[in-house]
């Protein structure tokens, strides 16, 4: 014996689960960006600090990069805070 009401309810639930929620431009948050400028040379810095500068794309003095403001980037900036200047955009 199969209860037809339960089968119909299950089918309705499956239809609702399969539908994706609509995203609109209002729900998207504006991404914050920061500008990082290398103001001191990384030549005499520790190896991890040199690699961090390289990973951020800062290879020459006064080189600037605009990157997204994320916790990972903030941690990298904290590692080389004495070598760079940070501006919020």
PDB file of N, CA and C in Angstrom:
ATOM      1  N   UNK A   1       0.830  -1.178   0.000  1.00  0.00           N
ATOM      2  CA  UNK A   1       0.000   0.000   0.000  1.00  0.00           C
ATOM      3  C   UNK A   1       0.884   1.254   0.000  1.00  0.00           C
ATOM      4  N   UNK A   2       0.632   2.114  -0.941  1.00  0.00           N
ATOM      5  CA  UNK A   2       1.367   3.355  -1.037  1.00  0.00           C
ATOM      6  C   UNK A   2       0.379   4.515  -0.873  1.00  0.00           C
ATOM      7  N   UNK A   3       0.704   5.387   0.007  1.00  0.00           N
ATOM      8  CA  UNK A   3      -0.143   6.550   0.231  1.00  0.00           C
ATOM      9  C   UNK A   3       0.184   7.583  -0.840  1.00  0.00           C
ATOM     10  N   UNK A   4      -0.765   7.923  -1.685  1.00  0.00           N
ATOM     11  CA  UNK A   4      -0.514   8.833  -2.799  1.00  0.00           C
ATOM     12  C   UNK A   4      -0.256  10.261  -2.335  1.00  0.00           C
ATOM     13  N   UNK A   5      -0.778  10.647  -1.203  1.00  0.00           N
ATOM     14  CA  UNK A   5      -0.536  11.998  -0.697  1.00  0.00           C
ATOM     15  C   UNK A   5       0.934  12.190  -0.352  1.00  0.00           C
ATOM     16  N   UNK A   6       1.547  11.171   0.242  1.00  0.00           N
ATOM     17  CA  UNK A   6       2.965  11.259   0.583  1.00  0.00           C
ATOM     18  C   UNK A   6       3.830  11.355  -0.669  1.00  0.00           C
ATOM     19  N   UNK A   7       3.481  10.591  -1.697  1.00  0.00           N
ATOM     20  CA  UNK A   7       4.243  10.619  -2.944  1.00  0.00           C
ATOM     21  C   UNK A   7       4.149  12.004  -3.579  1.00  0.00           C
ATOM     22  N   UNK A   8       2.979  12.602  -3.585  1.00  0.00           N
ATOM     23  CA  UNK A   8       2.797  13.933  -4.154  1.00  0.00           C
ATOM     24  C   UNK A   8       3.579  14.977  -3.359  1.00  0.00           C
ATOM     25  N   UNK A   9       3.565  14.853  -2.042  1.00  0.00           N
ATOM     26  CA  UNK A   9       4.312  15.796  -1.203  1.00  0.00           C
ATOM     27  C   UNK A   9       5.811  15.683  -1.456  1.00  0.00           C
ATOM     28  N   UNK A  10       6.291  14.461  -1.611  1.00  0.00           N
ATOM     29  CA  UNK A  10       7.722  14.242  -1.872  1.00  0.00           C
ATOM     30  C   UNK A  10       8.106  14.864  -3.209  1.00  0.00           C
ATOM     31  N   UNK A  11       7.265  14.712  -4.213  1.00  0.00           N
ATOM     32  CA  UNK A  11       7.554  15.289  -5.526  1.00  0.00           C
ATOM     33  C   UNK A  11       7.590  16.810  -5.454  1.00  0.00           C
ATOM     34  N   UNK A  12       6.682  17.407  -4.693  1.00  0.00           N
ATOM     35  CA  UNK A  12       6.674  18.864  -4.543  1.00  0.00           C
ATOM     36  C   UNK A  12       7.939  19.351  -3.841  1.00  0.00           C
ATOM     37  N   UNK A  13       8.378  18.625  -2.824  1.00  0.00           N
ATOM     38  CA  UNK A  13       9.592  19.000  -2.098  1.00  0.00           C
ATOM     39  C   UNK A  13      10.803  18.893  -3.008  1.00  0.00           C
ATOM     40  N   UNK A  14      10.868  17.854  -3.821  1.00  0.00           N
ATOM     41  CA  UNK A  14      11.988  17.685  -4.747  1.00  0.00           C
ATOM     42  C   UNK A  14      12.035  18.830  -5.762  1.00  0.00           C
ATOM     43  N   UNK A  15      10.879  19.286  -6.217  1.00  0.00           N
ATOM     44  CA  UNK A  15      10.841  20.400  -7.160  1.00  0.00           C
ATOM     45  C   UNK A  15      11.370  21.681  -6.523  1.00  0.00           C
ATOM     46  N   UNK A  16      11.004  21.912  -5.282  1.00  0.00           N
ATOM     47  CA  UNK A  16      11.457  23.116  -4.578  1.00  0.00           C
ATOM     48  C   UNK A  16      12.955  23.062  -4.338  1.00  0.00           C
ATOM     49  N   UNK A  17      13.466  21.880  -3.994  1.00  0.00           N
ATOM     50  CA  UNK A  17      14.901  21.736  -3.718  1.00  0.00           C
ATOM     51  C   UNK A  17      15.717  21.913  -4.987  1.00  0.00           C
ATOM     52  N   UNK A  18      15.202  21.462  -6.112  1.00  0.00           N
ATOM     53  CA  UNK A  18      15.938  21.548  -7.377  1.00  0.00           C
ATOM     54  C   UNK A  18      16.061  22.971  -7.900  1.00  0.00           C
ATOM     55  N   UNK A  19      15.138  23.843  -7.525  1.00  0.00           N
ATOM     56  CA  UNK A  19      15.182  25.222  -8.007  1.00  0.00           C
ATOM     57  C   UNK A  19      16.301  25.985  -7.321  1.00  0.00           C
ATOM     58  N   UNK A  20      17.030  26.747  -8.092  1.00  0.00           N
ATOM     59  CA  UNK A  20      18.111  27.567  -7.552  1.00  0.00           C
ATOM     60  C   UNK A  20      17.560  28.937  -7.165  1.00  0.00           C
ATOM     61  N   UNK A  21      18.033  29.484  -6.067  1.00  0.00           N
ATOM     62  CA  UNK A  21      17.567  30.826  -5.704  1.00  0.00           C
ATOM     63  C   UNK A  21      18.118  31.858  -6.687  1.00  0.00           C
ATOM     64  N   UNK A  22      17.315  32.843  -6.972  1.00  0.00           N
ATOM     65  CA  UNK A  22      17.741  33.898  -7.891  1.00  0.00           C
ATOM     66  C   UNK A  22      18.622  34.892  -7.152  1.00  0.00           C
ATOM     67  N   UNK A  23      19.705  35.260  -7.801  1.00  0.00           N
ATOM     68  CA  UNK A  23      20.578  36.282  -7.226  1.00  0.00           C
ATOM     69  C   UNK A  23      20.427  37.540  -8.058  1.00  0.00           C
ATOM     70  N   UNK A  24      20.326  38.642  -7.388  1.00  0.00           N
ATOM     71  CA  UNK A  24      20.209  39.918  -8.072  1.00  0.00           C
ATOM     72  C   UNK A  24      21.423  40.761  -7.734  1.00  0.00           C
ATOM     73  N   UNK A  25      21.564  41.832  -8.449  1.00  0.00           N
ATOM     74  CA  UNK A  25      22.696  42.720  -8.207  1.00  0.00           C
ATOM     75  C   UNK A  25      22.609  43.368  -6.829  1.00  0.00           C
ATOM     76  N   UNK A  26      21.400  43.427  -6.261  1.00  0.00           N
ATOM     77  CA  UNK A  26      21.238  44.031  -4.951  1.00  0.00           C
ATOM     78  C   UNK A  26      21.856  43.166  -3.856  1.00  0.00           C
ATOM     79  N   UNK A  27      21.872  41.839  -4.066  1.00  0.00           N
ATOM     80  CA  UNK A  27      22.408  40.949  -3.037  1.00  0.00           C
ATOM     81  C   UNK A  27      23.926  40.876  -3.075  1.00  0.00           C
ATOM     82  N   UNK A  28      24.528  41.256  -4.187  1.00  0.00           N
ATOM     83  CA  UNK A  28      25.986  41.218  -4.285  1.00  0.00           C
ATOM     84  C   UNK A  28      26.578  42.408  -3.549  1.00  0.00           C
ATOM     85  N   UNK A  29      27.586  42.146  -2.751  1.00  0.00           N
ATOM     86  CA  UNK A  29      28.246  43.220  -2.025  1.00  0.00           C
ATOM     87  C   UNK A  29      29.367  43.804  -2.874  1.00  0.00           C
ATOM     88  N   UNK A  30      29.599  45.075  -2.711  1.00  0.00           N
ATOM     89  CA  UNK A  30      30.702  45.722  -3.415  1.00  0.00           C
ATOM     90  C   UNK A  30      32.011  45.246  -2.795  1.00  0.00           C
ATOM     91  N   UNK A  31      32.918  44.803  -3.632  1.00  0.00           N
ATOM     92  CA  UNK A  31      34.188  44.290  -3.135  1.00  0.00           C
ATOM     93  C   UNK A  31      35.103  45.453  -2.780  1.00  0.00           C
ATOM     94  N   UNK A  32      35.693  45.359  -1.611  1.00  0.00           N
ATOM     95  CA  UNK A  32      36.626  46.392  -1.195  1.00  0.00           C
ATOM     96  C   UNK A  32      37.990  46.087  -1.806  1.00  0.00           C
ATOM     97  N   UNK A  33      38.694  47.135  -2.139  1.00  0.00           N
ATOM     98  CA  UNK A  33      40.014  46.972  -2.729  1.00  0.00           C
ATOM     99  C   UNK A  33      41.013  47.827  -1.984  1.00  0.00           C
ATOM    100  N   UNK A  34      42.269  47.379  -1.992  1.00  0.00           N
ATOM    101  CA  UNK A  34      43.350  48.157  -1.406  1.00  0.00           C
ATOM    102  C   UNK A  34      44.472  48.272  -2.425  1.00  0.00           C
ATOM    103  N   UNK A  35      45.187  49.364  -2.331  1.00  0.00           N
ATOM    104  CA  UNK A  35      46.340  49.594  -3.208  1.00  0.00           C
ATOM    105  C   UNK A  35      47.595  49.431  -2.360  1.00  0.00           C
ATOM    106  N   UNK A  36      48.476  48.530  -2.788  1.00  0.00           N
ATOM    107  CA  UNK A  36      49.707  48.246  -2.054  1.00  0.00           C
ATOM    108  C   UNK A  36      50.877  48.743  -2.892  1.00  0.00           C
ATOM    109  N   UNK A  37      51.742  49.564  -2.286  1.00  0.00           N
ATOM    110  CA  UNK A  37      52.897  50.122  -2.979  1.00  0.00           C
ATOM    111  C   UNK A  37      54.159  49.742  -2.226  1.00  0.00           C
ATOM    112  N   UNK A  38      55.138  49.202  -2.936  1.00  0.00           N
ATOM    113  CA  UNK A  38      56.420  48.839  -2.336  1.00  0.00           C
ATOM    114  C   UNK A  38      57.269  50.100  -2.205  1.00  0.00           C
ATOM    115  N   UNK A  39      57.579  50.508  -0.964  1.00  0.00           N
ATOM    116  CA  UNK A  39      58.330  51.747  -0.764  1.00  0.00           C
ATOM    117  C   UNK A  39      59.757  51.494  -0.289  1.00  0.00           C
ATOM    118  N   UNK A  40      60.037  50.280   0.188  1.00  0.00           N
ATOM    119  CA  UNK A  40      61.395  49.918   0.584  1.00  0.00           C
ATOM    120  C   UNK A  40      61.770  48.619  -0.103  1.00  0.00           C
ATOM    121  N   UNK A  41      63.043  48.452  -0.379  1.00  0.00           N
ATOM    122  CA  UNK A  41      63.514  47.270  -1.078  1.00  0.00           C
ATOM    123  C   UNK A  41      63.421  46.026  -0.200  1.00  0.00           C
ATOM    124  N   UNK A  42      63.134  44.906  -0.844  1.00  0.00           N
ATOM    125  CA  UNK A  42      63.043  43.639  -0.136  1.00  0.00           C
ATOM    126  C   UNK A  42      64.344  42.847  -0.229  1.00  0.00           C
ATOM    127  N   UNK A  43      65.397  43.459  -0.751  1.00  0.00           N
ATOM    128  CA  UNK A  43      66.666  42.750  -0.922  1.00  0.00           C
ATOM    129  C   UNK A  43      67.246  42.247   0.398  1.00  0.00           C
ATOM    130  N   UNK A  44      67.250  43.070   1.397  1.00  0.00           N
ATOM    131  CA  UNK A  44      67.853  42.681   2.672  1.00  0.00           C
ATOM    132  C   UNK A  44      66.817  42.111   3.650  1.00  0.00           C
ATOM    133  N   UNK A  45      65.608  41.898   3.189  1.00  0.00           N
ATOM    134  CA  UNK A  45      64.559  41.349   4.053  1.00  0.00           C
ATOM    135  C   UNK A  45      64.712  39.838   4.157  1.00  0.00           C
ATOM    136  N   UNK A  46      63.984  39.252   5.083  1.00  0.00           N
ATOM    137  CA  UNK A  46      64.012  37.799   5.258  1.00  0.00           C
ATOM    138  C   UNK A  46      63.438  37.113   4.021  1.00  0.00           C
ATOM    139  N   UNK A  47      63.807  35.856   3.806  1.00  0.00           N
ATOM    140  CA  UNK A  47      63.325  35.147   2.606  1.00  0.00           C
ATOM    141  C   UNK A  47      61.800  35.069   2.510  1.00  0.00           C
ATOM    142  N   UNK A  48      61.112  34.853   3.640  1.00  0.00           N
ATOM    143  CA  UNK A  48      59.652  34.779   3.556  1.00  0.00           C
ATOM    144  C   UNK A  48      59.045  36.123   3.186  1.00  0.00           C
ATOM    145  N   UNK A  49      59.692  37.215   3.584  1.00  0.00           N
ATOM    146  CA  UNK A  49      59.193  38.539   3.227  1.00  0.00           C
ATOM    147  C   UNK A  49      59.429  38.823   1.751  1.00  0.00           C
ATOM    148  N   UNK A  50      60.564  38.371   1.227  1.00  0.00           N
ATOM    149  CA  UNK A  50      60.836  38.535  -0.210  1.00  0.00           C
ATOM    150  C   UNK A  50      59.819  37.757  -1.036  1.00  0.00           C
ATOM    151  N   UNK A  51      59.518  36.531  -0.597  1.00  0.00           N
ATOM    152  CA  UNK A  51      58.553  35.703  -1.321  1.00  0.00           C
ATOM    153  C   UNK A  51      57.148  36.303  -1.249  1.00  0.00           C
ATOM    154  N   UNK A  52      56.819  36.929  -0.130  1.00  0.00           N
ATOM    155  CA  UNK A  52      55.518  37.572   0.014  1.00  0.00           C
ATOM    156  C   UNK A  52      55.400  38.748  -0.951  1.00  0.00           C
ATOM    157  N   UNK A  53      56.460  39.537  -1.066  1.00  0.00           N
ATOM    158  CA  UNK A  53      56.448  40.660  -2.031  1.00  0.00           C
ATOM    159  C   UNK A  53      56.267  40.137  -3.445  1.00  0.00           C
ATOM    160  N   UNK A  54      56.962  39.071  -3.753  1.00  0.00           N
ATOM    161  CA  UNK A  54      56.871  38.472  -5.082  1.00  0.00           C
ATOM    162  C   UNK A  54      55.451  37.948  -5.339  1.00  0.00           C
ATOM    163  N   UNK A  55      54.863  37.326  -4.327  1.00  0.00           N
ATOM    164  CA  UNK A  55      53.511  36.776  -4.475  1.00  0.00           C
ATOM    165  C   UNK A  55      52.470  37.872  -4.678  1.00  0.00           C
ATOM    166  N   UNK A  56      52.692  39.014  -4.074  1.00  0.00           N
ATOM    167  CA  UNK A  56      51.776  40.143  -4.258  1.00  0.00           C
ATOM    168  C   UNK A  56      52.008  40.857  -5.584  1.00  0.00           C
ATOM    169  N   UNK A  57      53.081  40.514  -6.284  1.00  0.00           N
ATOM    170  CA  UNK A  57      53.368  41.138  -7.567  1.00  0.00           C
ATOM    171  C   UNK A  57      54.179  42.408  -7.458  1.00  0.00           C
ATOM    172  N   UNK A  58      54.829  42.612  -6.315  1.00  0.00           N
ATOM    173  CA  UNK A  58      55.640  43.814  -6.097  1.00  0.00           C
ATOM    174  C   UNK A  58      57.104  43.445  -6.336  1.00  0.00           C
ATOM    175  N   UNK A  59      57.621  43.789  -7.515  1.00  0.00           N
ATOM    176  CA  UNK A  59      58.967  43.373  -7.876  1.00  0.00           C
ATOM    177  C   UNK A  59      59.972  44.522  -7.870  1.00  0.00           C
ATOM    178  N   UNK A  60      59.503  45.734  -8.065  1.00  0.00           N
ATOM    179  CA  UNK A  60      60.397  46.893  -8.113  1.00  0.00           C
ATOM    180  C   UNK A  60      59.919  47.950  -7.131  1.00  0.00           C
ATOM    181  N   UNK A  61      60.799  48.858  -6.778  1.00  0.00           N
ATOM    182  CA  UNK A  61      60.423  49.958  -5.904  1.00  0.00           C
ATOM    183  C   UNK A  61      59.331  50.803  -6.560  1.00  0.00           C
ATOM    184  N   UNK A  62      58.433  51.293  -5.762  1.00  0.00           N
ATOM    185  CA  UNK A  62      57.303  52.111  -6.185  1.00  0.00           C
ATOM    186  C   UNK A  62      56.327  51.368  -7.089  1.00  0.00           C
ATOM    187  N   UNK A  63      56.438  50.040  -7.135  1.00  0.00           N
ATOM    188  CA  UNK A  63      55.464  49.246  -7.870  1.00  0.00           C
ATOM    189  C   UNK A  63      54.187  49.172  -7.043  1.00  0.00           C
ATOM    190  N   UNK A  64      53.045  49.295  -7.700  1.00  0.00           N
ATOM    191  CA  UNK A  64      51.760  49.270  -7.000  1.00  0.00           C
ATOM    192  C   UNK A  64      50.869  48.195  -7.577  1.00  0.00           C
ATOM    193  N   UNK A  65      50.034  47.628  -6.722  1.00  0.00           N
ATOM    194  CA  UNK A  65      49.044  46.655  -7.144  1.00  0.00           C
ATOM    195  C   UNK A  65      47.740  46.960  -6.426  1.00  0.00           C
ATOM    196  N   UNK A  66      46.654  46.844  -7.133  1.00  0.00           N
ATOM    197  CA  UNK A  66      45.336  46.973  -6.539  1.00  0.00           C
ATOM    198  C   UNK A  66      44.785  45.560  -6.400  1.00  0.00           C
ATOM    199  N   UNK A  67      44.516  45.154  -5.158  1.00  0.00           N
ATOM    200  CA  UNK A  67      44.044  43.803  -4.886  1.00  0.00           C
ATOM    201  C   UNK A  67      42.782  43.869  -4.042  1.00  0.00           C
ATOM    202  N   UNK A  68      42.066  42.760  -4.028  1.00  0.00           N
ATOM    203  CA  UNK A  68      40.856  42.654  -3.219  1.00  0.00           C
ATOM    204  C   UNK A  68      41.237  42.567  -1.745  1.00  0.00           C
ATOM    205  N   UNK A  69      40.476  43.222  -0.908  1.00  0.00           N
ATOM    206  CA  UNK A  69      40.761  43.254   0.528  1.00  0.00           C
ATOM    207  C   UNK A  69      40.183  42.005   1.188  1.00  0.00           C
ATOM    208  N   UNK A  70      41.035  40.992   1.375  1.00  0.00           N
ATOM    209  CA  UNK A  70      40.626  39.748   2.023  1.00  0.00           C
ATOM    210  C   UNK A  70      41.530  39.504   3.228  1.00  0.00           C
ATOM    211  N   UNK A  71      41.124  38.631   4.123  1.00  0.00           N
ATOM    212  CA  UNK A  71      41.981  38.323   5.272  1.00  0.00           C
ATOM    213  C   UNK A  71      43.345  37.750   4.868  1.00  0.00           C
ATOM    214  N   UNK A  72      43.391  36.985   3.789  1.00  0.00           N
ATOM    215  CA  UNK A  72      44.658  36.424   3.332  1.00  0.00           C
ATOM    216  C   UNK A  72      45.616  37.523   2.875  1.00  0.00           C
ATOM    217  N   UNK A  73      45.098  38.475   2.124  1.00  0.00           N
ATOM    218  CA  UNK A  73      45.925  39.591   1.653  1.00  0.00           C
ATOM    219  C   UNK A  73      46.355  40.454   2.830  1.00  0.00           C
ATOM    220  N   UNK A  74      45.441  40.685   3.776  1.00  0.00           N
ATOM    221  CA  UNK A  74      45.798  41.471   4.969  1.00  0.00           C
ATOM    222  C   UNK A  74      46.921  40.805   5.752  1.00  0.00           C
ATOM    223  N   UNK A  75      46.915  39.481   5.832  1.00  0.00           N
ATOM    224  CA  UNK A  75      47.991  38.764   6.510  1.00  0.00           C
ATOM    225  C   UNK A  75      49.313  38.918   5.794  1.00  0.00           C
ATOM    226  N   UNK A  76      49.281  38.899   4.463  1.00  0.00           N
ATOM    227  CA  UNK A  76      50.501  39.088   3.689  1.00  0.00           C
ATOM    228  C   UNK A  76      51.048  40.502   3.888  1.00  0.00           C
ATOM    229  N   UNK A  77      50.140  41.464   3.907  1.00  0.00           N
ATOM    230  CA  UNK A  77      50.559  42.860   4.113  1.00  0.00           C
ATOM    231  C   UNK A  77      51.153  43.024   5.507  1.00  0.00           C
ATOM    232  N   UNK A  78      50.580  42.351   6.499  1.00  0.00           N
ATOM    233  CA  UNK A  78      51.096  42.438   7.857  1.00  0.00           C
ATOM    234  C   UNK A  78      52.532  41.908   7.924  1.00  0.00           C
ATOM    235  N   UNK A  79      52.834  40.887   7.130  1.00  0.00           N
ATOM    236  CA  UNK A  79      54.179  40.317   7.104  1.00  0.00           C
ATOM    237  C   UNK A  79      55.199  41.320   6.586  1.00  0.00           C
ATOM    238  N   UNK A  80      54.813  42.134   5.633  1.00  0.00           N
ATOM    239  CA  UNK A  80      55.758  43.074   5.021  1.00  0.00           C
ATOM    240  C   UNK A  80      55.339  44.518   5.258  1.00  0.00           C
ATOM    241  N   UNK A  81      54.712  44.788   6.381  1.00  0.00           N
ATOM    242  CA  UNK A  81      54.179  46.125   6.643  1.00  0.00           C
ATOM    243  C   UNK A  81      55.248  47.205   6.678  1.00  0.00           C
ATOM    244  N   UNK A  82      56.490  46.843   6.988  1.00  0.00           N
ATOM    245  CA  UNK A  82      57.560  47.836   7.042  1.00  0.00           C
ATOM    246  C   UNK A  82      58.125  48.156   5.656  1.00  0.00           C
ATOM    247  N   UNK A  83      57.696  47.399   4.647  1.00  0.00           N
ATOM    248  CA  UNK A  83      58.201  47.613   3.282  1.00  0.00           C
ATOM    249  C   UNK A  83      57.169  48.267   2.359  1.00  0.00           C
ATOM    250  N   UNK A  84      55.921  48.297   2.783  1.00  0.00           N
ATOM    251  CA  UNK A  84      54.870  48.754   1.873  1.00  0.00           C
ATOM    252  C   UNK A  84      54.031  49.880   2.470  1.00  0.00           C
ATOM    253  N   UNK A  85      53.294  50.540   1.581  1.00  0.00           N
ATOM    254  CA  UNK A  85      52.309  51.549   1.971  1.00  0.00           C
ATOM    255  C   UNK A  85      50.959  51.057   1.447  1.00  0.00           C
ATOM    256  N   UNK A  86      49.940  51.094   2.305  1.00  0.00           N
ATOM    257  CA  UNK A  86      48.621  50.559   1.947  1.00  0.00           C
ATOM    258  C   UNK A  86      47.611  51.691   1.923  1.00  0.00           C
ATOM    259  N   UNK A  87      46.818  51.744   0.859  1.00  0.00           N
ATOM    260  CA  UNK A  87      45.751  52.738   0.731  1.00  0.00           C
ATOM    261  C   UNK A  87      44.457  52.008   0.430  1.00  0.00           C
ATOM    262  N   UNK A  88      43.386  52.381   1.114  1.00  0.00           N
ATOM    263  CA  UNK A  88      42.088  51.795   0.832  1.00  0.00           C
ATOM    264  C   UNK A  88      41.408  52.589  -0.279  1.00  0.00           C
ATOM    265  N   UNK A  89      40.812  51.866  -1.209  1.00  0.00           N
ATOM    266  CA  UNK A  89      40.136  52.520  -2.341  1.00  0.00           C
ATOM    267  C   UNK A  89      38.641  52.516  -2.146  1.00  0.00           C
TER     268      UNK A  89
END
